[in-house]
Protein backbone atom coordinates (compact mmCIF):
# COMPACT_ATOMS: atom_id res chain seq x y z
CA MET A 1 17.88 -13.70 -4.53
CA THR A 2 14.71 -12.51 -6.21
CA TYR A 3 12.56 -9.84 -4.63
CA GLU A 4 9.78 -12.34 -3.86
CA LYS A 5 12.10 -14.49 -1.74
CA ILE A 6 12.95 -11.70 0.70
CA PRO A 7 11.16 -12.49 3.98
CA LEU A 8 8.13 -10.34 4.72
CA LYS A 9 9.59 -9.20 8.03
CA LYS A 10 12.70 -7.80 6.31
CA ARG A 11 10.63 -6.12 3.60
CA ILE A 12 8.41 -4.42 6.18
CA LEU A 13 11.40 -3.27 8.22
CA ALA A 14 13.08 -1.87 5.09
CA TYR A 15 9.90 0.08 4.29
CA PHE A 16 9.88 1.60 7.77
CA MET A 17 13.60 2.39 7.65
CA LYS A 18 13.09 4.40 4.45
CA ARG A 19 10.47 6.50 6.25
CA HIS A 20 11.99 6.28 9.73
CA THR A 21 10.56 9.55 11.09
CA ASP A 22 6.97 8.95 9.95
CA TRP A 23 4.21 7.21 11.87
CA ILE A 24 2.69 4.81 9.33
CA ALA A 25 -0.79 3.36 9.69
CA SER A 26 -0.99 -0.40 9.96
CA ASN A 27 -3.66 -0.34 7.26
CA GLU A 28 -1.22 1.24 4.78
CA VAL A 29 1.28 -1.59 5.25
CA GLN A 30 -1.47 -4.21 5.04
CA LYS A 31 -2.65 -2.79 1.70
CA LEU A 32 0.91 -2.79 0.31
CA VAL A 33 1.47 -6.37 1.42
CA ALA A 34 -1.81 -7.51 -0.14
CA GLN A 35 -1.04 -5.68 -3.38
CA TYR A 36 2.61 -6.63 -3.89
CA THR A 37 3.09 -10.00 -2.16
CA ASN A 38 1.37 -13.33 -1.75
CA ALA A 39 1.16 -12.83 2.02
CA THR A 40 -2.07 -11.95 3.81
CA PRO A 41 -2.63 -8.61 5.55
CA ARG A 42 -2.91 -10.52 8.85
CA ALA A 43 0.62 -11.86 8.30
CA ALA A 44 1.83 -8.27 7.93
CA VAL A 45 0.23 -7.38 11.28
CA ARG A 46 1.95 -10.34 12.95
CA ARG A 47 5.32 -9.34 11.47
CA MET A 48 4.89 -5.74 12.69
CA GLN A 49 4.02 -7.03 16.17
CA GLU A 50 7.15 -9.19 16.14
CA LEU A 51 9.24 -6.20 15.07
CA CYS A 52 7.81 -4.22 18.00
CA GLU A 53 8.67 -7.03 20.42
CA SER A 54 12.23 -7.19 19.07
CA GLY A 55 12.60 -3.42 19.52
CA ASP A 56 12.85 -2.48 15.85
CA LEU A 57 9.49 -0.67 15.65
CA GLN A 58 7.48 1.57 17.95
CA ARG A 59 3.69 1.35 18.14
CA LYS A 60 1.04 3.83 19.19
CA LEU A 61 -2.74 3.58 19.22
CA VAL A 62 -4.89 6.50 18.10
CA LYS A 63 -8.63 5.88 18.46
CA ASN A 64 -8.06 2.10 18.21
CA HIS A 65 -5.92 2.41 15.07
CA ALA A 66 -2.32 1.21 15.22
CA PHE A 67 0.51 3.36 13.89
CA TYR A 68 4.11 2.19 13.64
CA ARG A 69 7.50 3.75 13.00
CA ALA A 70 11.11 2.62 13.05
CA LYS A 71 12.59 2.91 16.51
CA PRO A 72 15.49 5.35 16.52
CA LYS A 73 18.80 3.69 17.23
CA VAL A 74 20.81 5.42 19.95
CA ASP A 75 24.54 5.41 19.41
CA ARG A 76 26.34 5.18 22.76
CA LYS A 77 29.33 7.13 21.42
CA GLU A 78 27.06 10.00 20.38
CA VAL A 79 25.51 10.07 23.86
CA GLN A 80 28.91 10.12 25.54
CA LYS A 81 30.13 12.80 23.16
CA ALA A 82 27.18 15.01 24.13
CA GLY A 83 27.93 14.46 27.82
CA LEU A 84 24.61 12.74 28.43
CA ASP A 85 25.85 9.32 29.51
CA MET A 86 23.65 8.50 32.52
CA TRP A 87 25.92 5.66 33.66
CA ASN A 88 28.98 7.87 34.03
CA SER A 89 27.10 10.61 35.83
CA VAL A 90 25.98 8.39 38.74
């Protein structure tokens, strides 16, 4: 599979996973998409919104500007190991 055939949604998610602790401005992703793909910046915004709805990204607004980051995955075994399992403590 060539790089161009990777779906935009997967490419955006991979970008966020590489920088999973950083809040990234929507504008930065839109510029990258416009520069390196044939997709429109608006398509990038839609894909980021879909990733938020599916729980893969988090979104915050700062003065009407959207920032996104990869949502941290919580490993249930790690939670249990730390003794923080809320279901077993009830």
